[in-house]
C-alpha atoms as a PDB file:
ATOM      1  CA  MET A   1      17.930  -5.428  19.449  1.00  0.00           C
ATOM      2  CA  ALA A   2      14.296  -4.369  19.230  1.00  0.00           C
ATOM      3  CA  LYS A   3      12.553  -1.284  17.954  1.00  0.00           C
ATOM      4  CA  SER A   4       8.928  -0.240  18.069  1.00  0.00           C
ATOM      5  CA  ARG A   5       7.119   2.836  16.772  1.00  0.00           C
ATOM      6  CA  LEU A   6       3.855   4.484  17.688  1.00  0.00           C
ATOM      7  CA  ALA A   7       1.097   4.303  15.098  1.00  0.00           C
ATOM      8  CA  PRO A   8       0.354   7.667  13.487  1.00  0.00           C
ATOM      9  CA  LEU A   9      -2.588   9.638  14.874  1.00  0.00           C
ATOM     10  CA  LYS A  10      -4.025   9.911  11.395  1.00  0.00           C
ATOM     11  CA  GLY A  11      -5.988   6.730  10.803  1.00  0.00           C
ATOM     12  CA  SER A  12      -3.934   4.061   9.046  1.00  0.00           C
ATOM     13  CA  THR A  13      -5.147   0.677   7.928  1.00  0.00           C
ATOM     14  CA  ILE A  14      -3.773  -2.466   9.580  1.00  0.00           C
ATOM     15  CA  PRO A  15      -2.070  -3.603   6.320  1.00  0.00           C
ATOM     16  CA  CYS A  16      -0.267  -0.220   6.110  1.00  0.00           C
ATOM     17  CA  LEU A  17       0.887  -0.467   9.727  1.00  0.00           C
ATOM     18  CA  GLU A  18       2.098  -4.038   9.170  1.00  0.00           C
ATOM     19  CA  LEU A  19       4.004  -2.875   6.092  1.00  0.00           C
ATOM     20  CA  ALA A  20       5.576  -0.022   8.064  1.00  0.00           C
ATOM     21  CA  ALA A  21       6.733  -2.609  10.647  1.00  0.00           C
ATOM     22  CA  ALA A  22       8.268  -4.718   7.866  1.00  0.00           C
ATOM     23  CA  LEU A  23      10.157  -1.684   6.566  1.00  0.00           C
ATOM     24  CA  GLU A  24      11.354  -0.985  10.117  1.00  0.00           C
ATOM     25  CA  ALA A  25      12.716  -4.558  10.288  1.00  0.00           C
ATOM     26  CA  VAL A  26      14.699  -4.031   7.080  1.00  0.00           C
ATOM     27  CA  ARG A  27      16.081  -0.708   8.358  1.00  0.00           C
ATOM     28  CA  LEU A  28      17.059  -2.330  11.654  1.00  0.00           C
ATOM     29  CA  ASP A  29      18.835  -5.141   9.801  1.00  0.00           C
ATOM     30  CA  THR A  30      20.715  -2.628   7.636  1.00  0.00           C
ATOM     31  CA  LEU A  31      21.802  -0.723  10.763  1.00  0.00           C
ATOM     32  CA  LEU A  32      22.988  -3.903  12.510  1.00  0.00           C
ATOM     33  CA  GLN A  33      24.990  -5.064   9.487  1.00  0.00           C
ATOM     34  CA  LYS A  34      26.688  -1.677   9.271  1.00  0.00           C
ATOM     35  CA  GLU A  35      27.416  -1.355  13.004  1.00  0.00           C
ATOM     36  CA  LEU A  36      28.560  -4.910  13.733  1.00  0.00           C
ATOM     37  CA  GLN A  37      31.292  -4.735  11.063  1.00  0.00           C
ATOM     38  CA  MET A  38      31.516  -8.472  10.720  1.00  0.00           C
ATOM     39  CA  PRO A  39      30.355 -10.842   7.994  1.00  0.00           C
ATOM     40  CA  LEU A  40      26.819 -12.047   8.609  1.00  0.00           C
ATOM     41  CA  GLU A  41      24.828 -14.761   6.930  1.00  0.00           C
ATOM     42  CA  LYS A  42      21.799 -13.902   4.855  1.00  0.00           C
ATOM     43  CA  SER A  43      19.112 -12.291   7.010  1.00  0.00           C
ATOM     44  CA  VAL A  44      15.713 -13.883   7.478  1.00  0.00           C
ATOM     45  CA  TYR A  45      12.783 -11.628   8.252  1.00  0.00           C
ATOM     46  CA  TRP A  46       9.768 -12.911  10.158  1.00  0.00           C
ATOM     47  CA  THR A  47       6.238 -11.559  10.076  1.00  0.00           C
ATOM     48  CA  ASP A  48       2.833 -12.800  11.150  1.00  0.00           C
ATOM     49  CA  SER A  49       1.172 -10.636   8.503  1.00  0.00           C
ATOM     50  CA  THR A  50       0.093 -12.585   5.439  1.00  0.00           C
ATOM     51  CA  ILE A  51      -0.800  -9.335   3.657  1.00  0.00           C
ATOM     52  CA  VAL A  52       2.828  -8.145   3.920  1.00  0.00           C
ATOM     53  CA  LEU A  53       4.084 -11.458   2.538  1.00  0.00           C
ATOM     54  CA  TRP A  54       1.588 -11.138  -0.316  1.00  0.00           C
ATOM     55  CA  TYR A  55       2.666  -7.536  -1.029  1.00  0.00           C
ATOM     56  CA  LEU A  56       6.283  -8.669  -1.305  1.00  0.00           C
ATOM     57  CA  GLN A  57       5.464 -11.708  -3.449  1.00  0.00           C
ATOM     58  CA  THR A  58       3.422  -9.654  -5.953  1.00  0.00           C
ATOM     59  CA  PRO A  59       5.342  -6.406  -6.550  1.00  0.00           C
ATOM     60  CA  GLU A  60       3.945  -6.171 -10.102  1.00  0.00           C
ATOM     61  CA  LYS A  61       0.521  -5.200  -8.715  1.00  0.00           C
ATOM     62  CA  ARG A  62      -0.447  -1.529  -8.914  1.00  0.00           C
ATOM     63  CA  PHE A  63      -0.580  -0.620  -5.240  1.00  0.00           C
ATOM     64  CA  GLN A  64      -1.574   2.702  -3.719  1.00  0.00           C
ATOM     65  CA  THR A  65       1.376   5.128  -3.431  1.00  0.00           C
ATOM     66  CA  TYR A  66       2.020   4.516   0.294  1.00  0.00           C
ATOM     67  CA  VAL A  67       2.187   0.745  -0.177  1.00  0.00           C
ATOM     68  CA  ALA A  68       4.124   0.869  -3.454  1.00  0.00           C
ATOM     69  CA  ASN A  69       6.830   3.100  -1.920  1.00  0.00           C
ATOM     70  CA  ARG A  70       7.293   0.874   1.119  1.00  0.00           C
ATOM     71  CA  VAL A  71       7.329  -2.347  -0.917  1.00  0.00           C
ATOM     72  CA  ALA A  72       9.991  -0.806  -3.186  1.00  0.00           C
ATOM     73  CA  LYS A  73      12.128   0.251  -0.191  1.00  0.00           C
ATOM     74  CA  ILE A  74      11.881  -3.220   1.354  1.00  0.00           C
ATOM     75  CA  LEU A  75      12.791  -4.938  -1.916  1.00  0.00           C
ATOM     76  CA  GLU A  76      15.860  -2.678  -2.303  1.00  0.00           C
ATOM     77  CA  HIS A  77      17.442  -4.492   0.662  1.00  0.00           C
ATOM     78  CA  ALA A  78      15.741  -7.885   0.768  1.00  0.00           C
ATOM     79  CA  ILE A  79      14.360 -10.412  -1.663  1.00  0.00           C
ATOM     80  CA  PRO A  80      10.923 -11.963  -1.088  1.00  0.00           C
ATOM     81  CA  ASP A  81      12.509 -15.365  -0.271  1.00  0.00           C
ATOM     82  CA  GLN A  82      14.081 -13.850   2.865  1.00  0.00           C
ATOM     83  CA  TRP A  83      10.623 -13.211   4.331  1.00  0.00           C
ATOM     84  CA  ARG A  84       9.073 -15.998   6.380  1.00  0.00           C
ATOM     85  CA  TYR A  85       5.788 -16.476   8.186  1.00  0.00           C
ATOM     86  CA  VAL A  86       5.665 -16.880  11.969  1.00  0.00           C
ATOM     87  CA  PRO A  87       2.381 -17.688  13.746  1.00  0.00           C
ATOM     88  CA  THR A  88       1.192 -14.823  15.946  1.00  0.00           C
ATOM     89  CA  MET A  89       1.520 -16.862  19.154  1.00  0.00           C
ATOM     90  CA  GLN A  90       5.230 -17.457  18.415  1.00  0.00           C
ATOM     91  CA  ASN A  91       5.977 -13.909  17.270  1.00  0.00           C
ATOM     92  CA  THR A  92       8.285 -12.245  19.802  1.00  0.00           C
ATOM     93  CA  GLY A  93       8.020  -8.944  17.974  1.00  0.00           C
ATOM     94  CA  ASP A  94       4.382  -8.651  19.011  1.00  0.00           C
ATOM     95  CA  ILE A  95       5.392  -8.244  22.654  1.00  0.00           C
ATOM     96  CA  ALA A  96       6.826  -4.775  22.072  1.00  0.00           C
ATOM     97  CA  SER A  97       3.561  -3.564  20.562  1.00  0.00           C
ATOM     98  CA  ARG A  98       1.184  -5.096  23.129  1.00  0.00           C
ATOM     99  CA  GLY A  99       2.232  -3.013  26.116  1.00  0.00           C
ATOM    100  CA  MET A 100       3.587  -4.618  29.286  1.00  0.00           C
ATOM    101  CA  THR A 101       5.002  -3.581  32.620  1.00  0.00           C
ATOM    102  CA  ALA A 102       8.724  -4.188  33.222  1.00  0.00           C
ATOM    103  CA  GLN A 103       7.911  -7.099  35.563  1.00  0.00           C
ATOM    104  CA  GLU A 104       5.622  -8.733  32.992  1.00  0.00           C
ATOM    105  CA  LEU A 105       8.344  -8.338  30.361  1.00  0.00           C
ATOM    106  CA  LEU A 106      10.905 -10.094  32.581  1.00  0.00           C
ATOM    107  CA  ASN A 107       8.476 -12.966  33.174  1.00  0.00           C
ATOM    108  CA  GLU A 108       7.654 -13.289  29.464  1.00  0.00           C
ATOM    109  CA  GLU A 109       9.571 -16.311  28.178  1.00  0.00           C
ATOM    110  CA  ARG A 110       9.098 -15.437  24.517  1.00  0.00           C
ATOM    111  CA  TRP A 111      10.951 -12.139  25.072  1.00  0.00           C
ATOM    112  CA  CYS A 112      13.926 -13.622  26.910  1.00  0.00           C
ATOM    113  CA  LYS A 113      14.312 -16.692  24.692  1.00  0.00           C
ATOM    114  CA  GLU A 114      14.007 -16.848  20.964  1.00  0.00           C
ATOM    115  CA  PRO A 115      11.356 -19.125  19.422  1.00  0.00           C
ATOM    116  CA  ALA A 116      12.311 -22.793  19.772  1.00  0.00           C
ATOM    117  CA  PHE A 117      11.846 -23.534  16.055  1.00  0.00           C
ATOM    118  CA  LEU A 118      14.879 -21.345  15.202  1.00  0.00           C
ATOM    119  CA  PHE A 119      17.143 -24.068  16.651  1.00  0.00           C
ATOM    120  CA  LEU A 120      15.598 -26.680  14.353  1.00  0.00           C
ATOM    121  CA  ASP A 121      16.307 -27.441  10.719  1.00  0.00           C
ATOM    122  CA  ILE A 122      14.780 -25.048   8.155  1.00  0.00           C
ATOM    123  CA  SER A 123      12.358 -27.794   7.100  1.00  0.00           C
ATOM    124  CA  SER A 124      10.859 -27.632  10.632  1.00  0.00           C
ATOM    125  CA  TRP A 125      10.206 -23.886  10.483  1.00  0.00           C
ATOM    126  CA  PRO A 126       6.576 -22.731  10.232  1.00  0.00           C
ATOM    127  CA  LYS A 127       5.174 -23.260   6.749  1.00  0.00           C
ATOM    128  CA  GLN A 128       4.511 -20.326   4.468  1.00  0.00           C
ATOM    129  CA  PRO A 129       0.757 -19.671   4.239  1.00  0.00           C
ATOM    130  CA  ALA A 130      -1.195 -20.248   1.062  1.00  0.00           C
ATOM    131  CA  PHE A 131      -2.475 -16.923  -0.212  1.00  0.00           C
ATOM    132  CA  ASP A 132      -6.167 -16.460  -0.867  1.00  0.00           C
ATOM    133  CA  CYS A 133      -5.533 -13.830  -3.540  1.00  0.00           C
ATOM    134  CA  ALA A 134      -9.182 -12.837  -3.988  1.00  0.00           C
ATOM    135  CA  LYS A 135      -9.607 -12.209  -0.260  1.00  0.00           C
ATOM    136  CA  LEU A 136      -6.288 -10.358   0.027  1.00  0.00           C
ATOM    137  CA  GLU A 137      -7.057  -8.082  -2.932  1.00  0.00           C
ATOM    138  CA  ASP A 138     -10.219  -6.978  -1.140  1.00  0.00           C
ATOM    139  CA  ILE A 139      -8.279  -5.698   1.885  1.00  0.00           C
ATOM    140  CA  ALA A 140      -5.080  -4.719   0.071  1.00  0.00           C
ATOM    141  CA  GLU A 141      -4.287  -1.160  -0.935  1.00  0.00           C
ATOM    142  CA  VAL A 142      -4.516  -1.978  -4.652  1.00  0.00           C
ATOM    143  CA  LYS A 143      -5.281   0.803  -7.105  1.00  0.00           C
ATOM    144  CA  ARG A 144      -8.745   0.455  -8.485  1.00  0.00           C
ATOM    145  CA  PHE A 145      -9.322   1.447 -12.061  1.00  0.00           C
ATOM    146  CA  PRO A 146     -12.500   3.481 -12.408  1.00  0.00           C
ATOM    147  CA  LEU A 147     -15.122   2.201 -14.776  1.00  0.00           C
ATOM    148  CA  VAL A 148     -16.634   4.747 -17.106  1.00  0.00           C
ATOM    149  CA  TYR A 149     -20.003   4.055 -18.612  1.00  0.00           C
ATOM    150  CA  THR A 150     -21.372   5.933 -21.583  1.00  0.00           C
ATOM    151  CA  MET A 151     -24.808   5.891 -23.043  1.00  0.00           C
ATOM    152  CA  LYS A 152     -25.695   6.798 -26.570  1.00  0.00           C
ATOM    153  CA  THR A 153     -28.826   8.858 -26.979  1.00  0.00           C
ATOM    154  CA  GLU A 154     -30.938   9.252 -30.064  1.00  0.00           C
ATOM    155  CA  GLU A 155     -29.980  12.905 -30.414  1.00  0.00           C
ATOM    156  CA  ASP A 156     -26.464  13.393 -31.724  1.00  0.00           C
ATOM    157  CA  HIS A 157     -25.715  16.981 -30.662  1.00  0.00           C
ATOM    158  CA  LEU A 158     -22.089  16.865 -31.752  1.00  0.00           C
ATOM    159  CA  GLY A 159     -23.071  15.517 -35.167  1.00  0.00           C
ATOM    160  CA  ARG A 160     -25.625  18.309 -35.553  1.00  0.00           C
ATOM    161  CA  PHE A 161     -22.949  20.845 -34.576  1.00  0.00           C
ATOM    162  CA  PHE A 162     -20.591  19.504 -37.259  1.00  0.00           C
ATOM    163  CA  ASP A 163     -23.338  19.484 -39.888  1.00  0.00           C
ATOM    164  CA  TYR A 164     -24.406  23.041 -39.064  1.00  0.00           C
ATOM    165  CA  ASN A 165     -20.865  24.438 -39.421  1.00  0.00           C
ATOM    166  CA  SER A 166     -19.625  23.615 -42.865  1.00  0.00           C
ATOM    167  CA  THR A 167     -16.037  24.856 -42.559  1.00  0.00           C
ATOM    168  CA  TRP A 168     -13.304  24.662 -39.958  1.00  0.00           C
ATOM    169  CA  HIS A 169     -13.252  28.456 -39.673  1.00  0.00           C
ATOM    170  CA  HIS A 170     -17.013  28.633 -38.933  1.00  0.00           C
ATOM    171  CA  MET A 171     -16.682  25.892 -36.301  1.00  0.00           C
ATOM    172  CA  LYS A 172     -13.822  27.697 -34.504  1.00  0.00           C
ATOM    173  CA  LYS A 173     -15.858  30.904 -34.430  1.00  0.00           C
ATOM    174  CA  ALA A 174     -18.904  29.077 -33.021  1.00  0.00           C
ATOM    175  CA  VAL A 175     -16.816  27.459 -30.253  1.00  0.00           C
ATOM    176  CA  ALA A 176     -15.250  30.841 -29.432  1.00  0.00           C
ATOM    177  CA  TRP A 177     -18.731  32.382 -29.102  1.00  0.00           C
ATOM    178  CA  PHE A 178     -19.870  29.524 -26.820  1.00  0.00           C
ATOM    179  CA  LEU A 179     -16.828  29.999 -24.575  1.00  0.00           C
ATOM    180  CA  ARG A 180     -17.390  33.762 -24.430  1.00  0.00           C
ATOM    181  CA  LEU A 181     -21.070  33.268 -23.560  1.00  0.00           C
ATOM    182  CA  ARG A 182     -20.118  30.840 -20.779  1.00  0.00           C
ATOM    183  CA  GLN A 183     -17.684  33.397 -19.343  1.00  0.00           C
ATOM    184  CA  ILE A 184     -20.358  36.116 -19.344  1.00  0.00           C
ATOM    185  CA  LEU A 185     -22.941  33.842 -17.720  1.00  0.00           C
ATOM    186  CA  ARG A 186     -20.520  32.801 -14.977  1.00  0.00           C
ATOM    187  CA  LYS A 187     -20.209  36.426 -13.886  1.00  0.00           C
ATOM    188  CA  GLN A 188     -23.960  36.773 -13.379  1.00  0.00           C
ATOM    189  CA  PRO A 189     -24.737  36.749  -9.609  1.00  0.00           C
ATOM    190  CA  TYR A 190     -28.290  35.472 -10.046  1.00  0.00           C
ATOM    191  CA  LEU A 191     -27.159  32.238 -11.722  1.00  0.00           C
ATOM    192  CA  LYS A 192     -26.543  29.458  -9.211  1.00  0.00           C
ATOM    193  CA  GLY A 193     -24.807  26.143  -9.812  1.00  0.00           C
ATOM    194  CA  PRO A 194     -21.916  25.098 -12.067  1.00  0.00           C
ATOM    195  CA  LEU A 195     -21.840  25.857 -15.765  1.00  0.00           C
ATOM    196  CA  VAL A 196     -20.221  23.286 -17.960  1.00  0.00           C
END
């Protein structure tokens, strides 16, 4: 059984599309297990996307919402050890996304026959790639934490404000007057630009 989906019109990154394909594989496997109604061995999922393998191996990372949701859905049904790497040239799943005529599809050996390595011992399967974590983090949809820089100036306006108002009551009144003044100034049509 094979299933392919069109990429959304809204621009998506390649890692997001690869992750969507991985989720589709898990959904397809779940459907097959339910419909076949017979005991199956543990499923093995194949992908030629190292970024997807890295996403699944490092779920503790703080990914963007889209990626985090899809990684969570995949890991609900499969463990990272079930995911294996297949070189692109041996990936039969790529055929559905490349676009072919019916005649070309019939002549395509990879589509009609499964990859030869599947008949070999597990030790002969393609090796899992080594992850270059620094390179992958650059292209991954990882949440970036903003850096905030502050600079201390010689003038301490807040300190002067506290010194000027000797009691809590006086300070509350002063802040109330500032807020009222800001509201009045915002209504003035001749003032342009934002007021803080």
